[in-house]
């Protein structure tokens, strides 16, 4: 039985302000969706990390649910808005989730659960909404796992790319 291609091709989504309101699932815990962009460069697997706007920590593109968009579409939009990345979502489901404390206005924190989706890098645009607010860095998965502060995110990076294997369907399956 032939396998179905489960990847979704993405393009730079239009930035709209009326759709970006968070859809919080719970009073105590927020839900966000993230993209973990990856590429093969000179035969080496690399993942993309970006700096957070406030604390300058190394993170991956993520954001709140957007009414009318599926989780994978939100993750792809965040990769575009925060890193200028366009690519193809890989797999039907997230590769995992982790928790972190999101700093909110008024010095409040909210516990957030982040579902992570793989994004196969196609290209990075010359301009994108948050270009001047963030740094981007391509690194090996091993290095990325050491650079991020969230232990759950580090574990997702390590498990998504064991021994630098490229994720996706195996040939002939």
Protein backbone atom coordinates (compact mmCIF):
# COMPACT_ATOMS: atom_id res chain seq x y z
CA UNK A 1 0.00 0.00 0.00
CA UNK A 2 1.53 3.36 -1.01
CA UNK A 3 2.12 5.92 1.71
CA UNK A 4 0.51 9.29 1.59
CA UNK A 5 2.70 12.36 1.61
CA UNK A 6 1.87 14.04 4.90
CA UNK A 7 3.92 17.18 4.42
CA UNK A 8 2.25 20.53 3.85
CA UNK A 9 3.94 23.11 1.61
CA UNK A 10 3.90 26.55 3.14
CA UNK A 11 4.39 29.97 1.68
CA UNK A 12 4.79 33.30 3.33
CA UNK A 13 1.37 33.91 4.91
CA UNK A 14 -0.10 37.38 4.86
CA UNK A 15 0.36 39.20 8.14
CA UNK A 16 -3.01 40.16 9.54
CA UNK A 17 -3.70 41.84 12.83
CA UNK A 18 -7.30 40.71 13.34
CA UNK A 19 -6.42 36.98 13.42
CA UNK A 20 -3.53 37.06 15.87
CA UNK A 21 -5.53 37.22 19.08
CA UNK A 22 -4.58 34.34 21.38
CA UNK A 23 -7.10 31.57 21.89
CA UNK A 24 -6.14 30.43 25.39
CA UNK A 25 -7.40 26.96 26.26
CA UNK A 26 -7.24 27.27 30.04
CA UNK A 27 -7.01 30.02 32.65
CA UNK A 28 -3.77 28.63 34.09
CA UNK A 29 -2.00 27.14 31.06
CA UNK A 30 -1.68 28.71 27.63
CA UNK A 31 -1.28 26.64 24.48
CA UNK A 32 1.18 27.66 21.78
CA UNK A 33 2.36 26.08 18.52
CA UNK A 34 5.97 26.08 17.37
CA UNK A 35 7.99 25.26 14.28
CA UNK A 36 11.36 23.52 14.51
CA UNK A 37 12.95 24.48 11.17
CA UNK A 38 15.67 22.16 9.86
CA UNK A 39 17.82 21.88 6.73
CA UNK A 40 20.70 19.97 5.17
CA UNK A 41 23.65 22.29 4.50
CA UNK A 42 26.79 20.83 2.89
CA UNK A 43 25.65 17.37 3.95
CA UNK A 44 25.09 18.41 7.59
CA UNK A 45 21.78 18.54 9.43
CA UNK A 46 21.07 21.93 11.04
CA UNK A 47 18.20 23.42 13.02
CA UNK A 48 17.27 27.08 13.30
CA UNK A 49 17.18 28.88 16.63
CA UNK A 50 16.03 32.46 17.06
CA UNK A 51 16.50 34.89 19.91
CA UNK A 52 13.53 35.81 22.05
CA UNK A 53 12.61 39.49 21.88
CA UNK A 54 12.70 40.27 25.59
CA UNK A 55 15.33 38.05 27.23
CA UNK A 56 17.40 37.20 24.10
CA UNK A 57 17.30 33.46 24.99
CA UNK A 58 17.63 30.96 22.15
CA UNK A 59 14.18 29.60 21.25
CA UNK A 60 12.22 28.35 18.24
CA UNK A 61 9.43 30.26 16.45
CA UNK A 62 6.16 29.89 18.36
CA UNK A 63 2.88 31.63 18.97
CA UNK A 64 -0.70 31.51 20.15
CA UNK A 65 -3.45 29.64 18.26
CA UNK A 66 -5.13 31.66 15.53
CA UNK A 67 -8.82 31.25 14.88
CA UNK A 68 -9.37 29.51 11.53
CA UNK A 69 -5.85 28.02 11.25
CA UNK A 70 -4.74 24.48 12.07
CA UNK A 71 -1.89 24.01 14.54
CA UNK A 72 0.64 23.27 11.75
CA UNK A 73 -0.44 26.40 9.88
CA UNK A 74 0.08 28.52 12.99
CA UNK A 75 3.56 27.02 13.44
CA UNK A 76 4.42 27.79 9.80
CA UNK A 77 3.13 31.37 10.16
CA UNK A 78 5.27 31.89 13.27
CA UNK A 79 8.36 30.63 11.39
CA UNK A 80 7.63 33.23 8.71
CA UNK A 81 6.88 36.12 11.09
CA UNK A 82 9.75 35.49 13.52
CA UNK A 83 12.47 34.09 11.24
CA UNK A 84 11.42 34.75 7.63
CA UNK A 85 11.45 31.00 6.99
CA UNK A 86 9.34 29.36 4.31
CA UNK A 87 9.23 25.59 3.98
CA UNK A 88 7.21 22.41 4.25
CA UNK A 89 5.66 21.02 7.43
CA UNK A 90 6.75 17.41 7.93
CA UNK A 91 4.53 14.71 9.46
CA UNK A 92 0.92 14.59 10.53
CA UNK A 93 1.47 15.29 14.22
CA UNK A 94 3.66 17.32 16.50
CA UNK A 95 6.98 15.76 17.49
CA UNK A 96 6.30 16.59 21.13
CA UNK A 97 5.46 19.34 23.56
CA UNK A 98 7.20 21.18 26.37
CA UNK A 99 6.31 23.75 29.03
CA UNK A 100 7.82 27.12 29.80
CA UNK A 101 6.97 30.26 31.75
CA UNK A 102 5.81 33.07 29.46
CA UNK A 103 6.45 36.59 30.79
CA UNK A 104 3.31 38.70 30.39
CA UNK A 105 2.74 42.44 30.84
CA UNK A 106 2.72 43.58 34.44
CA UNK A 107 5.55 41.19 35.38
CA UNK A 108 3.15 38.23 35.42
CA UNK A 109 4.07 34.72 34.29
CA UNK A 110 1.85 32.16 32.59
CA UNK A 111 2.67 28.50 32.20
CA UNK A 112 2.52 27.62 28.50
CA UNK A 113 2.43 24.25 26.77
CA UNK A 114 4.10 24.35 23.35
CA UNK A 115 3.36 21.74 20.67
CA UNK A 116 6.31 21.47 18.25
CA UNK A 117 6.06 20.68 14.52
CA UNK A 118 8.95 20.00 12.14
CA UNK A 119 9.44 22.41 9.24
CA UNK A 120 11.73 21.44 6.35
CA UNK A 121 13.47 24.67 5.34
CA UNK A 122 13.07 25.87 1.75
CA UNK A 123 14.30 29.46 1.96
CA UNK A 124 14.61 32.53 4.13
CA UNK A 125 13.06 35.72 2.84
CA UNK A 126 14.97 38.99 2.61
CA UNK A 127 12.39 40.76 4.78
CA UNK A 128 9.91 39.57 7.41
CA UNK A 129 7.86 41.17 10.22
CA UNK A 130 10.26 40.59 13.15
CA UNK A 131 13.61 40.70 11.32
CA UNK A 132 14.94 43.69 13.27
CA UNK A 133 13.84 42.23 16.63
CA UNK A 134 15.52 38.81 16.53
CA UNK A 135 18.74 37.01 15.65
CA UNK A 136 18.75 33.73 13.72
CA UNK A 137 21.37 31.00 14.02
CA UNK A 138 21.67 27.65 12.21
CA UNK A 139 23.36 25.02 14.40
CA UNK A 140 23.59 21.25 14.73
CA UNK A 141 20.79 19.62 16.72
CA UNK A 142 23.30 18.69 19.41
CA UNK A 143 24.44 22.31 19.75
CA UNK A 144 20.83 23.58 19.67
CA UNK A 145 19.88 21.27 22.55
CA UNK A 146 22.70 22.84 24.59
CA UNK A 147 21.77 26.43 23.67
CA UNK A 148 18.09 26.40 24.66
CA UNK A 149 17.11 26.97 28.30
CA UNK A 150 13.98 24.81 28.33
CA UNK A 151 14.89 21.19 29.10
CA UNK A 152 11.74 19.92 27.40
CA UNK A 153 12.64 21.72 24.18
CA UNK A 154 16.19 20.34 24.34
CA UNK A 155 14.77 16.83 24.66
CA UNK A 156 12.46 17.35 21.67
CA UNK A 157 15.39 18.53 19.55
CA UNK A 158 17.47 15.49 20.59
CA UNK A 159 14.62 13.02 19.99
CA UNK A 160 13.52 14.57 16.67
CA UNK A 161 17.04 14.20 15.26
CA UNK A 162 18.67 11.16 16.91
CA UNK A 163 22.26 10.82 15.76
CA UNK A 164 21.55 13.63 13.24
CA UNK A 165 19.12 11.44 11.27
CA UNK A 166 16.85 13.29 8.88
CA UNK A 167 13.18 12.95 9.89
CA UNK A 168 10.48 11.79 7.53
CA UNK A 169 9.28 8.64 5.79
CA UNK A 170 11.84 5.97 5.04
CA UNK A 171 12.47 5.24 1.32
CA UNK A 172 10.32 2.42 -0.01
CA UNK A 173 7.78 2.53 2.82
